[in-house]
Protein backbone atom coordinates (compact mmCIF):
# COMPACT_ATOMS: atom_id res chain seq x y z
CA UNK A 1 -32.18 -54.81 41.60
CA UNK A 2 -31.03 -51.52 43.09
CA UNK A 3 -28.14 -50.05 40.97
CA UNK A 4 -25.92 -48.39 43.17
CA UNK A 5 -24.70 -44.49 42.30
CA UNK A 6 -21.53 -44.10 40.36
CA UNK A 7 -18.64 -43.87 43.02
CA UNK A 8 -16.33 -40.62 43.08
CA UNK A 9 -13.98 -40.27 40.26
CA UNK A 10 -16.25 -42.58 38.05
CA UNK A 11 -17.08 -41.62 34.50
CA UNK A 12 -20.48 -40.18 35.47
CA UNK A 13 -18.63 -37.62 37.52
CA UNK A 14 -15.81 -36.79 35.13
CA UNK A 15 -17.98 -35.94 32.48
CA UNK A 16 -19.97 -33.29 34.38
CA UNK A 17 -16.34 -31.79 35.07
CA UNK A 18 -16.28 -31.14 31.55
CA UNK A 19 -19.25 -29.15 31.03
CA UNK A 20 -18.21 -25.74 30.02
CA UNK A 21 -18.67 -23.25 32.89
CA UNK A 22 -21.14 -20.95 30.41
CA UNK A 23 -23.59 -24.17 30.74
CA UNK A 24 -23.86 -23.87 34.30
CA UNK A 25 -23.27 -20.58 35.60
CA UNK A 26 -25.88 -18.21 33.94
CA UNK A 27 -24.02 -15.38 31.76
CA UNK A 28 -23.87 -11.88 33.42
CA UNK A 29 -24.10 -8.20 31.73
CA UNK A 30 -20.94 -6.85 31.08
CA UNK A 31 -21.64 -3.18 30.44
CA UNK A 32 -17.81 -2.01 30.87
CA UNK A 33 -16.72 -4.63 28.07
CA UNK A 34 -19.54 -3.81 25.76
CA UNK A 35 -18.41 -0.02 26.16
CA UNK A 36 -15.13 -0.81 25.59
CA UNK A 37 -15.72 -2.92 22.26
CA UNK A 38 -18.15 -0.37 20.95
CA UNK A 39 -15.76 2.39 21.18
CA UNK A 40 -12.62 0.12 19.52
CA UNK A 41 -15.45 -0.61 16.79
CA UNK A 42 -16.43 3.24 16.25
CA UNK A 43 -12.71 4.01 15.97
CA UNK A 44 -12.47 1.62 13.12
CA UNK A 45 -15.83 2.87 11.49
CA UNK A 46 -14.60 6.36 11.86
CA UNK A 47 -11.14 5.67 10.23
CA UNK A 48 -12.87 3.83 7.39
CA UNK A 49 -15.25 6.57 6.92
CA UNK A 50 -12.66 9.16 6.83
CA UNK A 51 -10.46 7.33 4.15
CA UNK A 52 -13.61 6.86 2.11
CA UNK A 53 -14.72 10.33 2.21
CA UNK A 54 -11.32 12.16 1.19
CA UNK A 55 -10.48 9.43 -1.67
CA UNK A 56 -11.96 9.26 -5.34
CA UNK A 57 -12.16 6.22 -5.79
CA UNK A 58 -14.06 4.07 -2.80
CA UNK A 59 -13.37 0.75 -4.60
CA UNK A 60 -9.70 1.46 -4.28
CA UNK A 61 -10.08 2.12 -0.70
CA UNK A 62 -11.78 -0.86 0.04
CA UNK A 63 -9.11 -2.74 -1.60
CA UNK A 64 -6.81 -2.20 1.25
CA UNK A 65 -5.89 -5.27 3.81
CA UNK A 66 -5.98 -2.21 6.35
CA UNK A 67 -9.55 -1.51 5.37
CA UNK A 68 -10.93 -5.00 5.15
CA UNK A 69 -9.52 -6.10 8.29
CA UNK A 70 -10.79 -3.02 10.29
CA UNK A 71 -14.43 -3.78 8.69
CA UNK A 72 -14.16 -7.22 10.11
CA UNK A 73 -13.07 -5.91 13.59
CA UNK A 74 -15.96 -3.37 13.37
CA UNK A 75 -18.76 -5.77 12.72
CA UNK A 76 -17.22 -8.73 15.06
CA UNK A 77 -16.88 -5.89 18.08
CA UNK A 78 -20.08 -4.43 17.67
CA UNK A 79 -21.59 -7.87 17.78
CA UNK A 80 -19.31 -8.99 20.95
CA UNK A 81 -20.21 -5.71 22.58
CA UNK A 82 -24.12 -6.12 22.24
CA UNK A 83 -23.78 -9.74 23.48
CA UNK A 84 -21.83 -8.64 26.32
CA UNK A 85 -24.59 -6.08 26.99
CA UNK A 86 -27.50 -8.42 26.70
CA UNK A 87 -25.59 -11.30 28.58
CA UNK A 88 -25.15 -13.54 25.89
CA UNK A 89 -22.56 -16.13 25.18
CA UNK A 90 -19.41 -14.89 23.57
CA UNK A 91 -18.78 -15.33 19.88
CA UNK A 92 -16.68 -18.50 18.73
CA UNK A 93 -13.25 -18.29 19.29
CA UNK A 94 -12.38 -19.28 15.84
CA UNK A 95 -13.97 -15.68 14.89
CA UNK A 96 -12.35 -13.49 17.58
CA UNK A 97 -9.19 -15.01 17.37
CA UNK A 98 -9.17 -14.78 13.72
CA UNK A 99 -10.07 -11.09 13.83
CA UNK A 100 -7.58 -10.15 16.24
CA UNK A 101 -4.70 -11.79 14.15
CA UNK A 102 -5.67 -9.82 11.14
CA UNK A 103 -5.84 -6.69 12.96
CA UNK A 104 -2.62 -7.21 14.45
CA UNK A 105 -1.25 -8.10 10.88
CA UNK A 106 -2.37 -4.44 9.94
CA UNK A 107 -0.86 -2.86 12.87
CA UNK A 108 2.58 -4.96 12.62
CA UNK A 109 2.83 -4.65 8.85
CA UNK A 110 2.58 -0.95 8.87
CA UNK A 111 4.83 -0.15 11.69
CA UNK A 112 7.61 -2.65 11.11
CA UNK A 113 7.51 -2.55 7.19
CA UNK A 114 5.32 0.24 5.29
CA UNK A 115 6.06 3.17 7.86
CA UNK A 116 9.84 1.92 8.15
CA UNK A 117 12.11 3.96 5.64
CA UNK A 118 14.88 1.26 6.09
CA UNK A 119 12.37 -2.08 5.29
CA UNK A 120 12.60 -1.83 1.70
CA UNK A 121 9.16 -1.56 1.13
CA UNK A 122 8.23 1.79 2.93
CA UNK A 123 5.16 4.00 1.76
CA UNK A 124 6.45 7.10 3.41
CA UNK A 125 7.26 8.56 0.35
CA UNK A 126 3.95 7.77 -1.57
CA UNK A 127 1.87 10.99 -2.14
CA UNK A 128 -1.24 9.01 -1.97
CA UNK A 129 -0.45 8.39 1.34
CA UNK A 130 1.03 11.59 2.38
CA UNK A 131 0.10 11.90 6.35
CA UNK A 132 -1.94 15.31 6.45
CA UNK A 133 -5.02 16.19 8.17
CA UNK A 134 -7.46 13.71 8.31
CA UNK A 135 -5.57 11.30 6.67
CA UNK A 136 -3.24 11.42 9.63
CA UNK A 137 -6.19 10.89 11.93
CA UNK A 138 -7.34 7.98 9.96
CA UNK A 139 -4.22 6.29 9.73
CA UNK A 140 -3.61 6.23 13.56
CA UNK A 141 -7.07 5.16 14.32
CA UNK A 142 -6.77 1.87 11.69
CA UNK A 143 -2.95 1.31 12.36
CA UNK A 144 -2.51 1.75 16.01
CA UNK A 145 -5.48 2.46 17.76
CA UNK A 146 -7.62 -0.60 16.52
CA UNK A 147 -4.86 -3.09 16.68
CA UNK A 148 -3.82 -1.77 20.39
CA UNK A 149 -7.68 -1.86 21.23
CA UNK A 150 -8.12 -5.36 20.07
CA UNK A 151 -4.95 -6.78 21.91
CA UNK A 152 -6.41 -5.21 25.50
CA UNK A 153 -9.75 -6.73 24.68
CA UNK A 154 -8.63 -10.03 24.23
CA UNK A 155 -6.12 -9.78 27.35
CA UNK A 156 -8.26 -8.18 29.67
CA UNK A 157 -11.70 -8.98 28.85
CA UNK A 158 -11.95 -12.46 27.56
CA UNK A 159 -11.25 -15.74 29.12
CA UNK A 160 -7.89 -17.56 28.19
CA UNK A 161 -7.59 -21.14 26.57
CA UNK A 162 -10.03 -20.77 23.72
CA UNK A 163 -8.24 -20.51 20.94
CA UNK A 164 -6.79 -23.84 19.31
CA UNK A 165 -3.76 -24.90 17.48
CA UNK A 166 -6.32 -26.14 14.52
CA UNK A 167 -7.32 -22.13 14.45
CA UNK A 168 -4.12 -21.04 13.17
CA UNK A 169 -4.01 -22.75 9.80
CA UNK A 170 -7.78 -22.11 9.03
CA UNK A 171 -7.02 -18.31 9.96
CA UNK A 172 -4.58 -18.14 6.83
CA UNK A 173 -6.82 -18.70 4.63
CA UNK A 174 -7.84 -14.99 4.25
CA UNK A 175 -4.45 -13.88 3.92
CA UNK A 176 -4.18 -16.42 1.47
CA UNK A 177 -7.07 -14.99 -0.36
CA UNK A 178 -6.19 -11.44 -0.37
CA UNK A 179 -2.88 -12.29 -1.96
CA UNK A 180 -5.12 -13.99 -4.68
CA UNK A 181 -7.16 -11.13 -5.09
CA UNK A 182 -4.39 -8.55 -5.24
CA UNK A 183 -2.52 -10.10 -7.83
CA UNK A 184 -5.78 -10.54 -9.82
CA UNK A 185 -6.83 -7.07 -9.40
CA UNK A 186 -3.36 -6.04 -10.52
CA UNK A 187 -3.50 -8.38 -13.49
CA UNK A 188 -6.52 -6.91 -14.97
CA UNK A 189 -5.87 -2.95 -14.25
CA UNK A 190 -3.95 -0.79 -16.65
CA UNK A 191 -0.19 -0.35 -16.14
CA UNK A 192 0.37 3.16 -14.14
CA UNK A 193 -3.17 2.70 -12.46
CA UNK A 194 -2.83 4.39 -8.71
CA UNK A 195 -2.52 1.83 -6.34
CA UNK A 196 -2.77 -0.68 -9.00
CA UNK A 197 -0.79 -3.05 -6.54
CA UNK A 198 -2.16 -2.13 -2.81
CA UNK A 199 1.31 -3.16 -1.32
CA UNK A 200 5.02 -2.36 -2.41
CA UNK A 201 5.66 -6.30 -1.40
CA UNK A 202 2.79 -7.02 -4.01
CA UNK A 203 4.20 -5.05 -6.79
CA UNK A 204 4.37 -7.22 -9.78
CA UNK A 205 6.01 -4.64 -11.83
CA UNK A 206 9.00 -3.93 -9.46
CA UNK A 207 9.57 -7.48 -8.42
CA UNK A 208 8.10 -9.97 -10.84
CA UNK A 209 5.73 -12.76 -10.17
CA UNK A 210 8.82 -14.74 -8.59
CA UNK A 211 9.66 -12.08 -6.33
CA UNK A 212 6.24 -11.03 -4.97
CA UNK A 213 5.63 -15.16 -4.64
CA UNK A 214 9.08 -15.20 -2.21
CA UNK A 215 7.67 -11.92 -0.44
CA UNK A 216 4.55 -13.89 0.09
CA UNK A 217 6.15 -17.18 1.31
CA UNK A 218 8.31 -14.86 4.20
CA UNK A 219 4.96 -13.01 4.94
CA UNK A 220 2.96 -15.98 5.32
CA UNK A 221 5.47 -17.85 7.80
CA UNK A 222 5.71 -14.71 9.56
CA UNK A 223 1.64 -14.72 9.95
CA UNK A 224 1.53 -18.05 10.73
CA UNK A 225 4.13 -17.67 13.47
CA UNK A 226 2.00 -14.76 14.82
CA UNK A 227 -1.18 -16.72 15.07
CA UNK A 228 0.67 -19.95 16.91
CA UNK A 229 2.45 -17.28 19.10
CA UNK A 230 -1.64 -16.11 19.88
CA UNK A 231 -2.77 -19.55 20.43
CA UNK A 232 0.30 -20.32 22.83
CA UNK A 233 -0.08 -17.08 24.67
CA UNK A 234 -3.84 -17.55 25.20
CA UNK A 235 -3.18 -20.84 26.82
CA UNK A 236 -0.75 -19.36 29.45
CA UNK A 237 -1.92 -15.92 29.94
CA UNK A 238 -3.72 -15.45 33.45
CA UNK A 239 -7.48 -14.73 33.53
CA UNK A 240 -8.00 -11.27 34.92
CA UNK A 241 -11.37 -10.90 36.56
CA UNK A 242 -13.00 -7.50 37.10
CA UNK A 243 -15.98 -6.66 39.58
CA UNK A 244 -18.43 -7.68 36.69
CA UNK A 245 -16.96 -11.23 35.87
CA UNK A 246 -17.10 -12.33 39.70
CA UNK A 247 -19.22 -14.97 40.06
CA UNK A 248 -18.96 -15.23 44.11
CA UNK A 249 -17.01 -13.59 46.41
CA UNK A 250 -13.72 -14.95 48.03
CA UNK A 251 -15.28 -15.68 51.41
CA UNK A 252 -17.96 -18.46 52.18
CA UNK A 253 -21.44 -17.84 51.19
CA UNK A 254 -24.11 -17.93 48.47
CA UNK A 255 -23.45 -17.12 44.67
CA UNK A 256 -23.24 -13.21 44.25
């Protein structure tokens, strides 16, 4: 018995519509994307190297969320640059979106809270964070250049619609783990140790555990709202196609 082909709009046709474009259209090298990501990764690595070179304690430097988030950004963008250069599929959105959130947290908390004298948690008067010479350069690289670069990469060089609502909750695991790390580290260090608590809003000596917990809840809600904002914006932002992303010309003709 001859089985007729499936009609248009049948399940067979609809299943093919759900196949990702990457599985149908071969990936192409994206040298401009690779170069931009490599530059942002280099900016992060440079800022970290400067901080390590001028500090008397590498462990203290590595305890800051700023440094850790920039390390993650440098690694992920370096891998993403290699994939763009070698025409390999992009990294999972769960990974790239999480790193984007963390570096946005770094930039926003610094500029809105830590560098703001009216915030109540300013670090501008802290002698250990005086903005002079090399420290000023690293400060700009790690708090301004890398967050802006990561946002531009997301907006201009990635396809929209990859982030999912469930990602927002998963991403918060790292800030929560960092909160526990910061409190545990402060608890085992002797009172008066420099940077015993890396940020003023985590200082148990100044605010007590109840005050620090309250700060953590407020910051946690703000971070979750930021994560939801990124997911929502990713669904509605337009896709910007540059020459290296073009699959075919607007006129009729073969694939380019």
